[in-house]
Amino acid sequence: MKTQNFQNHIRFYPLHHFILLPLLIILFIASVVCIFRFPDRSFEFAALALIFFLILWVAVMLRQHYALSNQNRIVRLEMRLRYYQLTRQRFEPIEQQLTFNQLAALRFASDEELTGLINRALKENLSPKEIKQSVKDWQPDYMRV
């Protein structure tokens, strides 16, 4: 497995990104084309295409929403546990001062640099990208969807 770092840490879910979303776009474009190509049946075709489009769109978005919502909760819990293990202090007061994207970016920091990077993120209001670029000892996450 290739070593994860800042340049290659973004992951794609092939079924979602390369099959379902392109099918959704193709269905939408085909619907618009057929509405103009067959004007005598355009209302029926448009209604049917819209129903299929909405069903597929909702299915794709729900899959994504459930997975990401669950993972976001796990990220928060992971950061709370790591911070407590390192400092013996609760993380919640600090967590409220950071955005979720900042928290997610901090996950990639090693234990040795985590507390310093948290303090820097709070003091300098670092963006998630700046936080990731500041990580010296990248801790990969191969399981995030």
N, C-alpha and C. Protein backbone atom coordinates (compact mmCIF):
# COMPACT_ATOMS: atom_id res chain seq x y z
N MET A 1 0.86 -1.18 0.00
CA MET A 1 0.00 0.00 0.00
C MET A 1 0.90 1.24 0.00
N LYS A 2 0.53 2.19 -0.80
CA LYS A 2 1.30 3.44 -0.90
C LYS A 2 1.20 4.23 0.41
N THR A 3 2.34 4.78 0.84
CA THR A 3 2.37 5.58 2.07
C THR A 3 1.54 6.83 1.89
N GLN A 4 0.67 7.09 2.87
CA GLN A 4 -0.22 8.26 2.80
C GLN A 4 0.51 9.50 3.29
N ASN A 5 0.24 10.62 2.62
CA ASN A 5 0.79 11.91 3.03
C ASN A 5 -0.16 13.01 2.58
N PHE A 6 0.24 14.27 2.73
CA PHE A 6 -0.64 15.39 2.38
C PHE A 6 -1.05 15.35 0.91
N GLN A 7 -0.13 15.01 0.03
CA GLN A 7 -0.43 15.05 -1.41
C GLN A 7 -1.41 13.97 -1.85
N ASN A 8 -1.49 12.84 -1.15
CA ASN A 8 -2.33 11.75 -1.65
C ASN A 8 -3.37 11.26 -0.64
N HIS A 9 -3.74 12.07 0.34
CA HIS A 9 -4.64 11.60 1.39
C HIS A 9 -6.12 11.64 1.03
N ILE A 10 -6.49 12.30 -0.03
CA ILE A 10 -7.89 12.37 -0.44
C ILE A 10 -8.26 11.05 -1.12
N ARG A 11 -9.42 10.50 -0.73
CA ARG A 11 -9.85 9.22 -1.28
C ARG A 11 -11.13 9.38 -2.06
N PHE A 12 -11.29 8.51 -3.04
CA PHE A 12 -12.52 8.46 -3.82
C PHE A 12 -13.18 7.11 -3.59
N TYR A 13 -14.50 7.11 -3.60
CA TYR A 13 -15.29 5.90 -3.51
C TYR A 13 -15.77 5.62 -4.93
N PRO A 14 -15.15 4.66 -5.62
CA PRO A 14 -15.40 4.48 -7.06
C PRO A 14 -16.88 4.35 -7.44
N LEU A 15 -17.66 3.55 -6.71
CA LEU A 15 -19.07 3.39 -7.05
C LEU A 15 -19.79 4.74 -7.01
N HIS A 16 -19.50 5.54 -6.00
CA HIS A 16 -20.15 6.84 -5.85
C HIS A 16 -19.62 7.86 -6.85
N HIS A 17 -18.31 8.04 -6.87
CA HIS A 17 -17.71 9.12 -7.66
C HIS A 17 -17.61 8.83 -9.15
N PHE A 18 -17.46 7.57 -9.54
CA PHE A 18 -17.19 7.26 -10.94
C PHE A 18 -18.31 6.48 -11.63
N ILE A 19 -19.33 6.05 -10.88
CA ILE A 19 -20.44 5.34 -11.51
C ILE A 19 -21.77 6.05 -11.25
N LEU A 20 -22.16 6.17 -9.96
CA LEU A 20 -23.47 6.75 -9.65
C LEU A 20 -23.58 8.23 -10.03
N LEU A 21 -22.60 9.04 -9.67
CA LEU A 21 -22.68 10.46 -10.01
C LEU A 21 -22.65 10.70 -11.52
N PRO A 22 -21.76 10.04 -12.29
CA PRO A 22 -21.82 10.22 -13.74
C PRO A 22 -23.15 9.74 -14.34
N LEU A 23 -23.71 8.63 -13.81
CA LEU A 23 -25.03 8.18 -14.29
C LEU A 23 -26.10 9.22 -14.01
N LEU A 24 -26.01 9.83 -12.86
CA LEU A 24 -26.95 10.88 -12.50
C LEU A 24 -26.86 12.05 -13.47
N ILE A 25 -25.66 12.45 -13.81
CA ILE A 25 -25.46 13.56 -14.75
C ILE A 25 -25.96 13.18 -16.14
N ILE A 26 -25.65 11.95 -16.58
CA ILE A 26 -26.10 11.47 -17.90
C ILE A 26 -27.62 11.43 -17.96
N LEU A 27 -28.26 10.93 -16.90
CA LEU A 27 -29.72 10.88 -16.86
C LEU A 27 -30.32 12.28 -16.95
N PHE A 28 -29.75 13.21 -16.26
CA PHE A 28 -30.26 14.57 -16.29
C PHE A 28 -30.13 15.17 -17.70
N ILE A 29 -28.96 15.00 -18.31
CA ILE A 29 -28.74 15.54 -19.66
C ILE A 29 -29.66 14.86 -20.67
N ALA A 30 -29.80 13.53 -20.57
CA ALA A 30 -30.68 12.80 -21.48
C ALA A 30 -32.12 13.26 -21.33
N SER A 31 -32.52 13.53 -20.10
CA SER A 31 -33.89 14.01 -19.87
C SER A 31 -34.14 15.33 -20.56
N VAL A 32 -33.21 16.25 -20.43
CA VAL A 32 -33.36 17.56 -21.06
C VAL A 32 -33.38 17.43 -22.58
N VAL A 33 -32.50 16.60 -23.13
CA VAL A 33 -32.45 16.41 -24.58
C VAL A 33 -33.76 15.82 -25.09
N CYS A 34 -34.27 14.78 -24.40
CA CYS A 34 -35.51 14.14 -24.86
C CYS A 34 -36.72 15.05 -24.76
N ILE A 35 -36.73 15.92 -23.79
CA ILE A 35 -37.85 16.86 -23.66
C ILE A 35 -37.94 17.74 -24.91
N PHE A 36 -36.80 18.17 -25.44
CA PHE A 36 -36.80 19.02 -26.62
C PHE A 36 -36.91 18.21 -27.91
N ARG A 37 -36.45 16.97 -27.90
CA ARG A 37 -36.50 16.14 -29.10
C ARG A 37 -37.88 15.57 -29.37
N PHE A 38 -38.62 15.29 -28.31
CA PHE A 38 -39.96 14.72 -28.45
C PHE A 38 -40.97 15.64 -27.76
N PRO A 39 -41.25 16.79 -28.37
CA PRO A 39 -42.11 17.78 -27.71
C PRO A 39 -43.53 17.28 -27.44
N ASP A 40 -44.04 16.35 -28.27
CA ASP A 40 -45.40 15.86 -28.05
C ASP A 40 -45.50 14.98 -26.79
N ARG A 41 -44.41 14.37 -26.37
CA ARG A 41 -44.40 13.52 -25.17
C ARG A 41 -43.52 14.13 -24.07
N SER A 42 -43.20 15.38 -24.20
CA SER A 42 -42.22 15.97 -23.30
C SER A 42 -42.68 15.99 -21.84
N PHE A 43 -43.95 16.25 -21.59
CA PHE A 43 -44.39 16.32 -20.20
C PHE A 43 -44.29 14.96 -19.51
N GLU A 44 -44.76 13.91 -20.18
CA GLU A 44 -44.71 12.57 -19.58
C GLU A 44 -43.26 12.14 -19.36
N PHE A 45 -42.42 12.38 -20.37
CA PHE A 45 -41.03 11.97 -20.25
C PHE A 45 -40.32 12.78 -19.17
N ALA A 46 -40.61 14.06 -19.12
CA ALA A 46 -39.97 14.92 -18.12
C ALA A 46 -40.38 14.48 -16.71
N ALA A 47 -41.65 14.17 -16.51
CA ALA A 47 -42.12 13.74 -15.19
C ALA A 47 -41.45 12.42 -14.78
N LEU A 48 -41.40 11.47 -15.70
CA LEU A 48 -40.78 10.18 -15.41
C LEU A 48 -39.28 10.33 -15.15
N ALA A 49 -38.63 11.10 -15.99
CA ALA A 49 -37.19 11.31 -15.82
C ALA A 49 -36.90 12.03 -14.51
N LEU A 50 -37.72 12.98 -14.16
CA LEU A 50 -37.54 13.71 -12.91
C LEU A 50 -37.69 12.79 -11.71
N ILE A 51 -38.66 11.89 -11.76
CA ILE A 51 -38.85 10.94 -10.66
C ILE A 51 -37.63 10.04 -10.52
N PHE A 52 -37.14 9.46 -11.62
CA PHE A 52 -35.95 8.61 -11.57
C PHE A 52 -34.73 9.40 -11.10
N PHE A 53 -34.60 10.59 -11.61
CA PHE A 53 -33.48 11.45 -11.23
C PHE A 53 -33.49 11.72 -9.72
N LEU A 54 -34.65 12.08 -9.18
CA LEU A 54 -34.75 12.38 -7.75
C LEU A 54 -34.48 11.15 -6.89
N ILE A 55 -34.99 9.99 -7.31
CA ILE A 55 -34.76 8.76 -6.55
C ILE A 55 -33.26 8.44 -6.52
N LEU A 56 -32.61 8.51 -7.65
CA LEU A 56 -31.18 8.21 -7.71
C LEU A 56 -30.38 9.25 -6.92
N TRP A 57 -30.72 10.50 -7.06
CA TRP A 57 -30.01 11.57 -6.34
C TRP A 57 -30.14 11.39 -4.83
N VAL A 58 -31.35 11.12 -4.36
CA VAL A 58 -31.56 10.93 -2.92
C VAL A 58 -30.78 9.71 -2.42
N ALA A 59 -30.80 8.63 -3.18
CA ALA A 59 -30.06 7.42 -2.77
C ALA A 59 -28.57 7.70 -2.67
N VAL A 60 -28.01 8.39 -3.63
CA VAL A 60 -26.58 8.70 -3.63
C VAL A 60 -26.24 9.63 -2.47
N MET A 61 -27.03 10.65 -2.26
CA MET A 61 -26.73 11.62 -1.21
C MET A 61 -26.93 11.03 0.19
N LEU A 62 -27.93 10.17 0.37
CA LEU A 62 -28.13 9.55 1.67
C LEU A 62 -26.97 8.64 2.02
N ARG A 63 -26.50 7.88 1.06
CA ARG A 63 -25.35 7.00 1.30
C ARG A 63 -24.16 7.83 1.77
N GLN A 64 -23.93 8.91 1.10
CA GLN A 64 -22.80 9.77 1.44
C GLN A 64 -23.02 10.44 2.81
N HIS A 65 -24.22 10.92 3.04
CA HIS A 65 -24.52 11.62 4.29
C HIS A 65 -24.36 10.71 5.50
N TYR A 66 -24.91 9.51 5.44
CA TYR A 66 -24.82 8.60 6.57
C TYR A 66 -23.38 8.22 6.87
N ALA A 67 -22.63 7.89 5.85
CA ALA A 67 -21.23 7.49 6.06
C ALA A 67 -20.41 8.63 6.64
N LEU A 68 -20.55 9.81 6.07
CA LEU A 68 -19.75 10.95 6.54
C LEU A 68 -20.18 11.42 7.93
N SER A 69 -21.47 11.40 8.22
CA SER A 69 -21.93 11.80 9.55
C SER A 69 -21.36 10.87 10.62
N ASN A 70 -21.39 9.59 10.34
CA ASN A 70 -20.85 8.62 11.28
C ASN A 70 -19.35 8.80 11.45
N GLN A 71 -18.64 8.98 10.35
CA GLN A 71 -17.20 9.17 10.43
C GLN A 71 -16.84 10.47 11.15
N ASN A 72 -17.62 11.51 10.96
CA ASN A 72 -17.35 12.78 11.66
C ASN A 72 -17.48 12.61 13.17
N ARG A 73 -18.47 11.84 13.60
CA ARG A 73 -18.61 11.56 15.04
C ARG A 73 -17.40 10.79 15.55
N ILE A 74 -16.94 9.84 14.79
CA ILE A 74 -15.78 9.04 15.19
C ILE A 74 -14.54 9.90 15.26
N VAL A 75 -14.37 10.82 14.31
CA VAL A 75 -13.22 11.72 14.33
C VAL A 75 -13.22 12.55 15.61
N ARG A 76 -14.37 13.11 15.96
CA ARG A 76 -14.46 13.91 17.19
C ARG A 76 -14.09 13.07 18.41
N LEU A 77 -14.63 11.86 18.48
CA LEU A 77 -14.33 10.98 19.62
C LEU A 77 -12.85 10.60 19.66
N GLU A 78 -12.30 10.33 18.50
CA GLU A 78 -10.87 10.00 18.42
C GLU A 78 -10.01 11.15 18.92
N MET A 79 -10.34 12.36 18.50
CA MET A 79 -9.56 13.52 18.93
C MET A 79 -9.71 13.77 20.43
N ARG A 80 -10.91 13.56 20.97
CA ARG A 80 -11.11 13.72 22.41
C ARG A 80 -10.25 12.71 23.19
N LEU A 81 -10.27 11.48 22.73
CA LEU A 81 -9.48 10.44 23.40
C LEU A 81 -7.99 10.73 23.30
N ARG A 82 -7.50 11.04 22.13
CA ARG A 82 -6.07 11.32 21.96
C ARG A 82 -5.63 12.50 22.83
N TYR A 83 -6.41 13.57 22.81
CA TYR A 83 -6.05 14.75 23.60
C TYR A 83 -6.02 14.41 25.09
N TYR A 84 -7.03 13.67 25.54
CA TYR A 84 -7.07 13.30 26.96
C TYR A 84 -5.88 12.41 27.32
N GLN A 85 -5.55 11.46 26.47
CA GLN A 85 -4.41 10.59 26.74
C GLN A 85 -3.10 11.36 26.81
N LEU A 86 -2.98 12.40 26.01
CA LEU A 86 -1.74 13.18 25.98
C LEU A 86 -1.65 14.21 27.09
N THR A 87 -2.78 14.81 27.48
CA THR A 87 -2.75 15.95 28.41
C THR A 87 -3.48 15.70 29.73
N ARG A 88 -4.29 14.66 29.79
CA ARG A 88 -5.17 14.40 30.94
C ARG A 88 -6.16 15.54 31.17
N GLN A 89 -6.50 16.23 30.10
CA GLN A 89 -7.50 17.30 30.15
C GLN A 89 -8.57 17.03 29.10
N ARG A 90 -9.76 17.53 29.35
CA ARG A 90 -10.87 17.34 28.39
C ARG A 90 -10.63 18.22 27.16
N PHE A 91 -11.04 17.69 26.02
CA PHE A 91 -10.83 18.38 24.75
C PHE A 91 -12.01 19.26 24.35
N GLU A 92 -13.18 19.04 24.94
CA GLU A 92 -14.39 19.72 24.51
C GLU A 92 -14.28 21.25 24.48
N PRO A 93 -13.66 21.90 25.48
CA PRO A 93 -13.55 23.37 25.41
C PRO A 93 -12.72 23.83 24.20
N ILE A 94 -11.70 23.08 23.88
CA ILE A 94 -10.87 23.43 22.71
C ILE A 94 -11.61 23.09 21.42
N GLU A 95 -12.28 21.95 21.44
CA GLU A 95 -13.03 21.49 20.26
C GLU A 95 -14.04 22.53 19.79
N GLN A 96 -14.65 23.23 20.72
CA GLN A 96 -15.66 24.23 20.37
C GLN A 96 -15.05 25.45 19.68
N GLN A 97 -13.75 25.63 19.80
CA GLN A 97 -13.09 26.77 19.18
C GLN A 97 -12.56 26.44 17.78
N LEU A 98 -12.64 25.18 17.40
CA LEU A 98 -12.14 24.75 16.09
C LEU A 98 -13.29 24.30 15.21
N THR A 99 -13.14 24.45 13.91
CA THR A 99 -14.13 23.91 12.98
C THR A 99 -13.91 22.41 12.86
N PHE A 100 -14.91 21.72 12.34
CA PHE A 100 -14.72 20.28 12.16
C PHE A 100 -13.57 19.99 11.18
N ASN A 101 -13.47 20.79 10.13
CA ASN A 101 -12.39 20.56 9.16
C ASN A 101 -11.01 20.75 9.78
N GLN A 102 -10.88 21.66 10.72
CA GLN A 102 -9.61 21.81 11.43
C GLN A 102 -9.34 20.57 12.29
N LEU A 103 -10.38 20.08 12.96
CA LEU A 103 -10.23 18.86 13.75
C LEU A 103 -9.79 17.68 12.89
N ALA A 104 -10.44 17.53 11.76
CA ALA A 104 -10.10 16.43 10.87
C ALA A 104 -8.67 16.54 10.37
N ALA A 105 -8.21 17.75 10.12
CA ALA A 105 -6.84 17.95 9.67
C ALA A 105 -5.84 17.63 10.78
N LEU A 106 -6.20 17.91 12.02
CA LEU A 106 -5.31 17.65 13.15
C LEU A 106 -5.09 16.16 13.38
N ARG A 107 -6.01 15.33 12.91
CA ARG A 107 -5.88 13.89 13.10
C ARG A 107 -4.61 13.33 12.49
N PHE A 108 -4.10 13.97 11.47
CA PHE A 108 -2.93 13.44 10.77
C PHE A 108 -1.63 13.70 11.51
N ALA A 109 -1.67 14.51 12.56
CA ALA A 109 -0.47 14.84 13.33
C ALA A 109 -0.13 13.70 14.28
N SER A 110 1.14 13.49 14.50
CA SER A 110 1.58 12.48 15.46
C SER A 110 1.29 12.98 16.87
N ASP A 111 1.34 12.07 17.83
CA ASP A 111 1.10 12.46 19.23
C ASP A 111 2.09 13.52 19.69
N GLU A 112 3.32 13.42 19.24
CA GLU A 112 4.36 14.36 19.67
C GLU A 112 4.07 15.79 19.23
N GLU A 113 3.45 15.96 18.09
CA GLU A 113 3.22 17.31 17.58
C GLU A 113 1.77 17.78 17.71
N LEU A 114 0.88 16.91 18.17
CA LEU A 114 -0.55 17.23 18.19
C LEU A 114 -0.87 18.44 19.07
N THR A 115 -0.46 18.44 20.32
CA THR A 115 -0.83 19.54 21.22
C THR A 115 -0.25 20.87 20.75
N GLY A 116 0.98 20.86 20.26
CA GLY A 116 1.57 22.09 19.74
C GLY A 116 0.83 22.61 18.53
N LEU A 117 0.42 21.69 17.67
CA LEU A 117 -0.31 22.08 16.46
C LEU A 117 -1.71 22.58 16.80
N ILE A 118 -2.33 21.99 17.82
CA ILE A 118 -3.64 22.48 18.27
C ILE A 118 -3.51 23.91 18.77
N ASN A 119 -2.49 24.16 19.60
CA ASN A 119 -2.28 25.52 20.11
C ASN A 119 -2.01 26.50 18.98
N ARG A 120 -1.23 26.07 18.01
CA ARG A 120 -0.93 26.94 16.87
C ARG A 120 -2.18 27.21 16.04
N ALA A 121 -3.00 26.17 15.84
CA ALA A 121 -4.25 26.33 15.07
C ALA A 121 -5.18 27.32 15.76
N LEU A 122 -5.24 27.25 17.08
CA LEU A 122 -6.08 28.19 17.83
C LEU A 122 -5.54 29.61 17.77
N LYS A 123 -4.24 29.74 17.98
CA LYS A 123 -3.61 31.06 18.04
C LYS A 123 -3.61 31.74 16.67
N GLU A 124 -3.25 30.99 15.62
CA GLU A 124 -3.09 31.57 14.28
C GLU A 124 -4.30 31.35 13.38
N ASN A 125 -5.33 30.67 13.90
CA ASN A 125 -6.52 30.34 13.12
C ASN A 125 -6.13 29.69 11.78
N LEU A 126 -5.34 28.64 11.85
CA LEU A 126 -4.86 27.96 10.65
C LEU A 126 -6.01 27.29 9.92
N SER A 127 -5.95 27.32 8.61
CA SER A 127 -6.94 26.61 7.80
C SER A 127 -6.61 25.11 7.85
N PRO A 128 -7.57 24.26 7.50
CA PRO A 128 -7.29 22.83 7.47
C PRO A 128 -6.09 22.49 6.56
N LYS A 129 -5.99 23.14 5.43
CA LYS A 129 -4.87 22.88 4.53
C LYS A 129 -3.55 23.28 5.19
N GLU A 130 -3.52 24.43 5.88
CA GLU A 130 -2.31 24.86 6.56
C GLU A 130 -1.93 23.91 7.69
N ILE A 131 -2.93 23.38 8.37
CA ILE A 131 -2.66 22.41 9.44
C ILE A 131 -2.02 21.16 8.84
N LYS A 132 -2.61 20.65 7.78
CA LYS A 132 -2.06 19.44 7.15
C LYS A 132 -0.65 19.68 6.63
N GLN A 133 -0.41 20.83 6.07
CA GLN A 133 0.93 21.13 5.56
C GLN A 133 1.94 21.30 6.69
N SER A 134 1.48 21.61 7.89
CA SER A 134 2.38 21.78 9.04
C SER A 134 2.74 20.46 9.71
N VAL A 135 2.02 19.40 9.38
CA VAL A 135 2.29 18.10 10.00
C VAL A 135 3.63 17.59 9.50
N LYS A 136 4.50 17.27 10.43
CA LYS A 136 5.83 16.76 10.07
C LYS A 136 5.87 15.23 10.04
N ASP A 137 5.19 14.59 10.99
CA ASP A 137 5.14 13.13 11.06
C ASP A 137 3.71 12.70 10.76
N TRP A 138 3.40 12.51 9.48
CA TRP A 138 2.04 12.23 9.00
C TRP A 138 1.58 10.86 9.49
N GLN A 139 0.42 10.84 10.15
CA GLN A 139 -0.20 9.60 10.59
C GLN A 139 -1.34 9.29 9.63
N PRO A 140 -1.17 8.27 8.78
CA PRO A 140 -2.16 8.00 7.74
C PRO A 140 -3.50 7.51 8.28
N ASP A 141 -4.53 7.75 7.50
CA ASP A 141 -5.86 7.21 7.78
C ASP A 141 -6.32 6.55 6.49
N TYR A 142 -6.15 5.25 6.44
CA TYR A 142 -6.52 4.50 5.24
C TYR A 142 -7.98 4.07 5.25
N MET A 143 -8.69 4.32 6.35
CA MET A 143 -10.07 3.84 6.46
C MET A 143 -11.12 4.89 6.17
N ARG A 144 -10.78 6.15 6.08
CA ARG A 144 -11.79 7.20 5.86
C ARG A 144 -12.34 7.09 4.44
N VAL A 145 -13.65 7.21 4.35
CA VAL A 145 -14.33 7.13 3.04
C VAL A 145 -14.24 8.48 2.37
